[in-house]
């Protein structure tokens, strides 16, 4: 079940359960490509394979705003 702090409302409990599952899952490392990135702390992510540390979203490695920024950076690099 979701966090004990979430009490009333099925929709809120579902959202809390989704966030809890997301922050405890593994993500793919942008440097080595292995699925070994885990959450270290608030917005801190570390790869257990290559020991790289990343700043990302609070509950996931990347955010929609971060993905847009990465695309823009890559586009400017090509020029």
PDB file of N, CA and C in Angstrom:
ATOM      1  N   UNK A   1       0.839  -1.183   0.000  1.00  0.00           N
ATOM      2  CA  UNK A   1       0.000   0.000   0.000  1.00  0.00           C
ATOM      3  C   UNK A   1       0.880   1.241   0.000  1.00  0.00           C
ATOM      4  N   UNK A   2       0.274   2.343  -0.312  1.00  0.00           N
ATOM      5  CA  UNK A   2       1.001   3.609  -0.419  1.00  0.00           C
ATOM      6  C   UNK A   2       1.441   4.095   0.964  1.00  0.00           C
ATOM      7  N   UNK A   3       2.036   5.236   0.961  1.00  0.00           N
ATOM      8  CA  UNK A   3       2.533   5.857   2.182  1.00  0.00           C
ATOM      9  C   UNK A   3       1.403   5.986   3.214  1.00  0.00           C
ATOM     10  N   UNK A   4       1.722   5.839   4.487  1.00  0.00           N
ATOM     11  CA  UNK A   4       0.704   5.909   5.546  1.00  0.00           C
ATOM     12  C   UNK A   4       0.184   7.321   5.752  1.00  0.00           C
ATOM     13  N   UNK A   5       0.897   8.332   5.249  1.00  0.00           N
ATOM     14  CA  UNK A   5       0.453   9.709   5.406  1.00  0.00           C
ATOM     15  C   UNK A   5      -0.707  10.054   4.481  1.00  0.00           C
ATOM     16  N   UNK A   6      -0.884   9.283   3.410  1.00  0.00           N
ATOM     17  CA  UNK A   6      -1.972   9.529   2.477  1.00  0.00           C
ATOM     18  C   UNK A   6      -3.191   8.777   2.993  1.00  0.00           C
ATOM     19  N   UNK A   7      -4.223   9.497   3.348  1.00  0.00           N
ATOM     20  CA  UNK A   7      -5.367   8.856   3.977  1.00  0.00           C
ATOM     21  C   UNK A   7      -6.599   8.762   3.095  1.00  0.00           C
ATOM     22  N   UNK A   8      -7.123   9.897   2.691  1.00  0.00           N
ATOM     23  CA  UNK A   8      -8.451   9.907   2.115  1.00  0.00           C
ATOM     24  C   UNK A   8      -8.402  10.100   0.613  1.00  0.00           C
ATOM     25  N   UNK A   9      -9.214   9.355  -0.092  1.00  0.00           N
ATOM     26  CA  UNK A   9      -9.337   9.496  -1.526  1.00  0.00           C
ATOM     27  C   UNK A   9      -8.533   8.465  -2.281  1.00  0.00           C
ATOM     28  N   UNK A  10      -9.228   7.691  -3.092  1.00  0.00           N
ATOM     29  CA  UNK A  10      -8.567   6.637  -3.857  1.00  0.00           C
ATOM     30  C   UNK A  10      -7.585   7.214  -4.866  1.00  0.00           C
ATOM     31  N   UNK A  11      -7.951   8.317  -5.512  1.00  0.00           N
ATOM     32  CA  UNK A  11      -7.081   8.911  -6.528  1.00  0.00           C
ATOM     33  C   UNK A  11      -5.765   9.384  -5.926  1.00  0.00           C
ATOM     34  N   UNK A  12      -5.803   9.990  -4.757  1.00  0.00           N
ATOM     35  CA  UNK A  12      -4.581  10.465  -4.104  1.00  0.00           C
ATOM     36  C   UNK A  12      -3.714   9.277  -3.695  1.00  0.00           C
ATOM     37  N   UNK A  13      -4.329   8.209  -3.208  1.00  0.00           N
ATOM     38  CA  UNK A  13      -3.564   7.018  -2.833  1.00  0.00           C
ATOM     39  C   UNK A  13      -2.906   6.387  -4.057  1.00  0.00           C
ATOM     40  N   UNK A  14      -3.599   6.385  -5.191  1.00  0.00           N
ATOM     41  CA  UNK A  14      -3.027   5.832  -6.421  1.00  0.00           C
ATOM     42  C   UNK A  14      -1.836   6.666  -6.884  1.00  0.00           C
ATOM     43  N   UNK A  15      -1.960   7.991  -6.814  1.00  0.00           N
ATOM     44  CA  UNK A  15      -0.860   8.861  -7.210  1.00  0.00           C
ATOM     45  C   UNK A  15       0.346   8.671  -6.291  1.00  0.00           C
ATOM     46  N   UNK A  16       0.100   8.535  -4.998  1.00  0.00           N
ATOM     47  CA  UNK A  16       1.188   8.331  -4.042  1.00  0.00           C
ATOM     48  C   UNK A  16       1.876   6.985  -4.287  1.00  0.00           C
ATOM     49  N   UNK A  17       1.101   5.955  -4.595  1.00  0.00           N
ATOM     50  CA  UNK A  17       1.684   4.643  -4.873  1.00  0.00           C
ATOM     51  C   UNK A  17       2.526   4.684  -6.142  1.00  0.00           C
ATOM     52  N   UNK A  18       2.072   5.425  -7.148  1.00  0.00           N
ATOM     53  CA  UNK A  18       2.806   5.553  -8.398  1.00  0.00           C
ATOM     54  C   UNK A  18       4.149   6.259  -8.174  1.00  0.00           C
ATOM     55  N   UNK A  19       4.142   7.315  -7.377  1.00  0.00           N
ATOM     56  CA  UNK A  19       5.368   8.056  -7.081  1.00  0.00           C
ATOM     57  C   UNK A  19       6.330   7.197  -6.269  1.00  0.00           C
ATOM     58  N   UNK A  20       5.814   6.456  -5.285  1.00  0.00           N
ATOM     59  CA  UNK A  20       6.674   5.584  -4.480  1.00  0.00           C
ATOM     60  C   UNK A  20       7.340   4.523  -5.348  1.00  0.00           C
ATOM     61  N   UNK A  21       6.586   3.949  -6.293  1.00  0.00           N
ATOM     62  CA  UNK A  21       7.156   2.940  -7.187  1.00  0.00           C
ATOM     63  C   UNK A  21       8.192   3.564  -8.118  1.00  0.00           C
ATOM     64  N   UNK A  22       7.930   4.775  -8.586  1.00  0.00           N
ATOM     65  CA  UNK A  22       8.837   5.446  -9.511  1.00  0.00           C
ATOM     66  C   UNK A  22      10.163   5.792  -8.845  1.00  0.00           C
ATOM     67  N   UNK A  23      10.120   6.308  -7.629  1.00  0.00           N
ATOM     68  CA  UNK A  23      11.371   6.729  -6.987  1.00  0.00           C
ATOM     69  C   UNK A  23      12.201   5.554  -6.483  1.00  0.00           C
ATOM     70  N   UNK A  24      11.610   4.372  -6.358  1.00  0.00           N
ATOM     71  CA  UNK A  24      12.397   3.221  -5.910  1.00  0.00           C
ATOM     72  C   UNK A  24      12.820   2.320  -7.068  1.00  0.00           C
ATOM     73  N   UNK A  25      12.481   2.688  -8.304  1.00  0.00           N
ATOM     74  CA  UNK A  25      12.854   1.862  -9.442  1.00  0.00           C
ATOM     75  C   UNK A  25      14.240   2.253  -9.964  1.00  0.00           C
ATOM     76  N   UNK A  26      14.785   1.422 -10.847  1.00  0.00           N
ATOM     77  CA  UNK A  26      16.081   1.677 -11.461  1.00  0.00           C
ATOM     78  C   UNK A  26      15.882   2.358 -12.804  1.00  0.00           C
ATOM     79  N   UNK A  27      16.846   3.195 -13.174  1.00  0.00           N
ATOM     80  CA  UNK A  27      16.810   3.889 -14.449  1.00  0.00           C
ATOM     81  C   UNK A  27      18.079   3.581 -15.228  1.00  0.00           C
ATOM     82  N   UNK A  28      18.069   3.877 -16.523  1.00  0.00           N
ATOM     83  CA  UNK A  28      19.224   3.630 -17.387  1.00  0.00           C
ATOM     84  C   UNK A  28      20.219   4.776 -17.234  1.00  0.00           C
ATOM     85  N   UNK A  29      21.478   4.424 -17.049  1.00  0.00           N
ATOM     86  CA  UNK A  29      22.543   5.408 -16.864  1.00  0.00           C
ATOM     87  C   UNK A  29      22.867   6.086 -18.198  1.00  0.00           C
ATOM     88  N   UNK A  30      22.889   7.427 -18.226  1.00  0.00           N
ATOM     89  CA  UNK A  30      23.249   8.128 -19.460  1.00  0.00           C
ATOM     90  C   UNK A  30      24.714   7.946 -19.866  1.00  0.00           C
ATOM     91  N   UNK A  31      25.581   7.589 -18.932  1.00  0.00           N
ATOM     92  CA  UNK A  31      27.011   7.432 -19.248  1.00  0.00           C
ATOM     93  C   UNK A  31      27.357   6.023 -19.701  1.00  0.00           C
ATOM     94  N   UNK A  32      26.989   5.012 -18.902  1.00  0.00           N
ATOM     95  CA  UNK A  32      27.406   3.646 -19.236  1.00  0.00           C
ATOM     96  C   UNK A  32      26.304   2.823 -19.906  1.00  0.00           C
ATOM     97  N   UNK A  33      25.056   3.268 -19.830  1.00  0.00           N
ATOM     98  CA  UNK A  33      23.968   2.583 -20.510  1.00  0.00           C
ATOM     99  C   UNK A  33      23.356   1.420 -19.746  1.00  0.00           C
ATOM    100  N   UNK A  34      23.814   1.157 -18.548  1.00  0.00           N
ATOM    101  CA  UNK A  34      23.264   0.051 -17.759  1.00  0.00           C
ATOM    102  C   UNK A  34      22.093   0.536 -16.911  1.00  0.00           C
ATOM    103  N   UNK A  35      21.206  -0.361 -16.571  1.00  0.00           N
ATOM    104  CA  UNK A  35      20.040  -0.017 -15.756  1.00  0.00           C
ATOM    105  C   UNK A  35      20.416  -0.151 -14.283  1.00  0.00           C
ATOM    106  N   UNK A  36      21.236   0.783 -13.809  1.00  0.00           N
ATOM    107  CA  UNK A  36      21.761   0.720 -12.448  1.00  0.00           C
ATOM    108  C   UNK A  36      21.635   2.027 -11.687  1.00  0.00           C
ATOM    109  N   UNK A  37      20.906   3.004 -12.209  1.00  0.00           N
ATOM    110  CA  UNK A  37      20.799   4.299 -11.547  1.00  0.00           C
ATOM    111  C   UNK A  37      19.693   4.242 -10.500  1.00  0.00           C
ATOM    112  N   UNK A  38      20.039   4.562  -9.265  1.00  0.00           N
ATOM    113  CA  UNK A  38      19.085   4.577  -8.159  1.00  0.00           C
ATOM    114  C   UNK A  38      19.108   5.946  -7.488  1.00  0.00           C
ATOM    115  N   UNK A  39      18.045   6.257  -6.791  1.00  0.00           N
ATOM    116  CA  UNK A  39      17.907   7.544  -6.104  1.00  0.00           C
ATOM    117  C   UNK A  39      18.756   7.542  -4.833  1.00  0.00           C
ATOM    118  N   UNK A  40      19.607   8.562  -4.690  1.00  0.00           N
ATOM    119  CA  UNK A  40      20.427   8.719  -3.489  1.00  0.00           C
ATOM    120  C   UNK A  40      19.757   9.626  -2.476  1.00  0.00           C
ATOM    121  N   UNK A  41      19.141  10.673  -2.962  1.00  0.00           N
ATOM    122  CA  UNK A  41      18.495  11.658  -2.104  1.00  0.00           C
ATOM    123  C   UNK A  41      17.582  12.508  -2.954  1.00  0.00           C
ATOM    124  N   UNK A  42      17.140  13.602  -2.396  1.00  0.00           N
ATOM    125  CA  UNK A  42      16.233  14.479  -3.114  1.00  0.00           C
ATOM    126  C   UNK A  42      16.925  15.051  -4.353  1.00  0.00           C
ATOM    127  N   UNK A  43      16.514  14.620  -5.528  1.00  0.00           N
ATOM    128  CA  UNK A  43      17.041  15.047  -6.828  1.00  0.00           C
ATOM    129  C   UNK A  43      18.462  14.577  -7.096  1.00  0.00           C
ATOM    130  N   UNK A  44      19.004  13.657  -6.318  1.00  0.00           N
ATOM    131  CA  UNK A  44      20.332  13.102  -6.552  1.00  0.00           C
ATOM    132  C   UNK A  44      20.215  11.640  -6.952  1.00  0.00           C
ATOM    133  N   UNK A  45      20.884  11.287  -8.041  1.00  0.00           N
ATOM    134  CA  UNK A  45      20.839   9.940  -8.584  1.00  0.00           C
ATOM    135  C   UNK A  45      22.262   9.455  -8.798  1.00  0.00           C
ATOM    136  N   UNK A  46      22.517   8.190  -8.521  1.00  0.00           N
ATOM    137  CA  UNK A  46      23.858   7.637  -8.679  1.00  0.00           C
ATOM    138  C   UNK A  46      23.791   6.298  -9.395  1.00  0.00           C
ATOM    139  N   UNK A  47      24.741   6.092 -10.302  1.00  0.00           N
ATOM    140  CA  UNK A  47      24.856   4.819 -11.003  1.00  0.00           C
ATOM    141  C   UNK A  47      25.711   3.884 -10.157  1.00  0.00           C
ATOM    142  N   UNK A  48      25.207   2.694  -9.921  1.00  0.00           N
ATOM    143  CA  UNK A  48      25.944   1.745  -9.101  1.00  0.00           C
ATOM    144  C   UNK A  48      26.991   0.992  -9.908  1.00  0.00           C
ATOM    145  N   UNK A  49      27.001   1.189 -11.221  1.00  0.00           N
ATOM    146  CA  UNK A  49      27.982   0.520 -12.055  1.00  0.00           C
ATOM    147  C   UNK A  49      29.216   1.390 -12.283  1.00  0.00           C
ATOM    148  N   UNK A  50      28.995   2.640 -12.750  1.00  0.00           N
ATOM    149  CA  UNK A  50      30.138   3.506 -13.075  1.00  0.00           C
ATOM    150  C   UNK A  50      30.355   4.613 -12.041  1.00  0.00           C
ATOM    151  N   UNK A  51      29.582   4.623 -10.967  1.00  0.00           N
ATOM    152  CA  UNK A  51      29.693   5.589  -9.873  1.00  0.00           C
ATOM    153  C   UNK A  51      29.478   7.042 -10.296  1.00  0.00           C
ATOM    154  N   UNK A  52      28.775   7.266 -11.393  1.00  0.00           N
ATOM    155  CA  UNK A  52      28.454   8.625 -11.826  1.00  0.00           C
ATOM    156  C   UNK A  52      27.281   9.140 -10.998  1.00  0.00           C
ATOM    157  N   UNK A  53      27.296  10.436 -10.675  1.00  0.00           N
ATOM    158  CA  UNK A  53      26.224  11.052  -9.893  1.00  0.00           C
ATOM    159  C   UNK A  53      25.547  12.099 -10.770  1.00  0.00           C
ATOM    160  N   UNK A  54      24.206  12.094 -10.759  1.00  0.00           N
ATOM    161  CA  UNK A  54      23.431  12.990 -11.600  1.00  0.00           C
ATOM    162  C   UNK A  54      22.462  13.800 -10.757  1.00  0.00           C
ATOM    163  N   UNK A  55      22.156  15.003 -11.232  1.00  0.00           N
ATOM    164  CA  UNK A  55      21.070  15.787 -10.671  1.00  0.00           C
ATOM    165  C   UNK A  55      19.894  15.611 -11.616  1.00  0.00           C
ATOM    166  N   UNK A  56      18.742  15.290 -11.066  1.00  0.00           N
ATOM    167  CA  UNK A  56      17.576  15.055 -11.899  1.00  0.00           C
ATOM    168  C   UNK A  56      16.327  15.512 -11.200  1.00  0.00           C
ATOM    169  N   UNK A  57      15.238  14.857 -11.518  1.00  0.00           N
ATOM    170  CA  UNK A  57      13.980  15.176 -10.875  1.00  0.00           C
ATOM    171  C   UNK A  57      13.931  14.591  -9.479  1.00  0.00           C
ATOM    172  N   UNK A  58      12.952  14.989  -8.718  1.00  0.00           N
ATOM    173  CA  UNK A  58      12.827  14.495  -7.357  1.00  0.00           C
ATOM    174  C   UNK A  58      12.465  13.018  -7.319  1.00  0.00           C
ATOM    175  N   UNK A  59      11.558  12.598  -8.196  1.00  0.00           N
ATOM    176  CA  UNK A  59      11.095  11.214  -8.170  1.00  0.00           C
ATOM    177  C   UNK A  59      11.490  10.414  -9.396  1.00  0.00           C
ATOM    178  N   UNK A  60      12.054  11.040 -10.419  1.00  0.00           N
ATOM    179  CA  UNK A  60      12.534  10.322 -11.594  1.00  0.00           C
ATOM    180  C   UNK A  60      13.828  10.960 -12.070  1.00  0.00           C
ATOM    181  N   UNK A  61      14.590  10.213 -12.843  1.00  0.00           N
ATOM    182  CA  UNK A  61      15.902  10.686 -13.273  1.00  0.00           C
ATOM    183  C   UNK A  61      15.804  11.914 -14.170  1.00  0.00           C
ATOM    184  N   UNK A  62      14.796  11.969 -15.017  1.00  0.00           N
ATOM    185  CA  UNK A  62      14.657  13.125 -15.904  1.00  0.00           C
ATOM    186  C   UNK A  62      13.251  13.706 -15.783  1.00  0.00           C
ATOM    187  N   UNK A  63      13.159  15.001 -16.057  1.00  0.00           N
ATOM    188  CA  UNK A  63      11.874  15.686 -16.031  1.00  0.00           C
ATOM    189  C   UNK A  63      11.558  16.164 -17.445  1.00  0.00           C
ATOM    190  N   UNK A  64      10.309  16.479 -17.728  1.00  0.00           N
ATOM    191  CA  UNK A  64       9.981  16.993 -19.064  1.00  0.00           C
ATOM    192  C   UNK A  64      10.756  18.261 -19.419  1.00  0.00           C
ATOM    193  N   UNK A  65      10.935  19.157 -18.461  1.00  0.00           N
ATOM    194  CA  UNK A  65      11.706  20.377 -18.717  1.00  0.00           C
ATOM    195  C   UNK A  65      13.178  20.046 -18.983  1.00  0.00           C
ATOM    196  N   UNK A  66      13.711  19.080 -18.277  1.00  0.00           N
ATOM    197  CA  UNK A  66      15.091  18.668 -18.494  1.00  0.00           C
ATOM    198  C   UNK A  66      15.303  18.030 -19.853  1.00  0.00           C
ATOM    199  N   UNK A  67      14.312  17.271 -20.325  1.00  0.00           N
ATOM    200  CA  UNK A  67      14.418  16.649 -21.645  1.00  0.00           C
ATOM    201  C   UNK A  67      14.408  17.708 -22.739  1.00  0.00           C
ATOM    202  N   UNK A  68      13.585  18.744 -22.583  1.00  0.00           N
ATOM    203  CA  UNK A  68      13.551  19.840 -23.553  1.00  0.00           C
ATOM    204  C   UNK A  68      14.894  20.563 -23.563  1.00  0.00           C
ATOM    205  N   UNK A  69      15.455  20.804 -22.399  1.00  0.00           N
ATOM    206  CA  UNK A  69      16.744  21.477 -22.309  1.00  0.00           C
ATOM    207  C   UNK A  69      17.843  20.654 -22.971  1.00  0.00           C
ATOM    208  N   UNK A  70      17.832  19.355 -22.773  1.00  0.00           N
ATOM    209  CA  UNK A  70      18.846  18.500 -23.399  1.00  0.00           C
ATOM    210  C   UNK A  70      18.728  18.516 -24.918  1.00  0.00           C
ATOM    211  N   UNK A  71      17.502  18.507 -25.435  1.00  0.00           N
ATOM    212  CA  UNK A  71      17.306  18.588 -26.883  1.00  0.00           C
ATOM    213  C   UNK A  71      17.834  19.907 -27.432  1.00  0.00           C
ATOM    214  N   UNK A  72      17.567  21.013 -26.728  1.00  0.00           N
ATOM    215  CA  UNK A  72      18.054  22.318 -27.181  1.00  0.00           C
ATOM    216  C   UNK A  72      19.573  22.383 -27.156  1.00  0.00           C
ATOM    217  N   UNK A  73      20.183  21.835 -26.137  1.00  0.00           N
ATOM    218  CA  UNK A  73      21.642  21.824 -26.042  1.00  0.00           C
ATOM    219  C   UNK A  73      22.243  21.030 -27.195  1.00  0.00           C
ATOM    220  N   UNK A  74      21.677  19.860 -27.487  1.00  0.00           N
ATOM    221  CA  UNK A  74      22.164  19.046 -28.597  1.00  0.00           C
ATOM    222  C   UNK A  74      21.982  19.761 -29.927  1.00  0.00           C
ATOM    223  N   UNK A  75      20.877  20.484 -30.076  1.00  0.00           N
ATOM    224  CA  UNK A  75      20.620  21.218 -31.312  1.00  0.00           C
ATOM    225  C   UNK A  75      21.628  22.343 -31.495  1.00  0.00           C
ATOM    226  N   UNK A  76      21.965  23.061 -30.416  1.00  0.00           N
ATOM    227  CA  UNK A  76      22.947  24.130 -30.497  1.00  0.00           C
ATOM    228  C   UNK A  76      24.352  23.605 -30.716  1.00  0.00           C
ATOM    229  N   UNK A  77      24.639  22.406 -30.252  1.00  0.00           N
ATOM    230  CA  UNK A  77      25.955  21.816 -30.475  1.00  0.00           C
ATOM    231  C   UNK A  77      26.180  21.501 -31.958  1.00  0.00           C
ATOM    232  N   UNK A  78      25.108  21.146 -32.663  1.00  0.00           N
ATOM    233  CA  UNK A  78      25.208  20.789 -34.067  1.00  0.00           C
ATOM    234  C   UNK A  78      25.504  21.993 -34.948  1.00  0.00           C
ATOM    235  N   UNK A  79      25.182  23.173 -34.490  1.00  0.00           N
ATOM    236  CA  UNK A  79      25.397  24.386 -35.296  1.00  0.00           C
ATOM    237  C   UNK A  79      26.814  24.799 -35.353  1.00  0.00           C
TER     238      UNK A  79
END
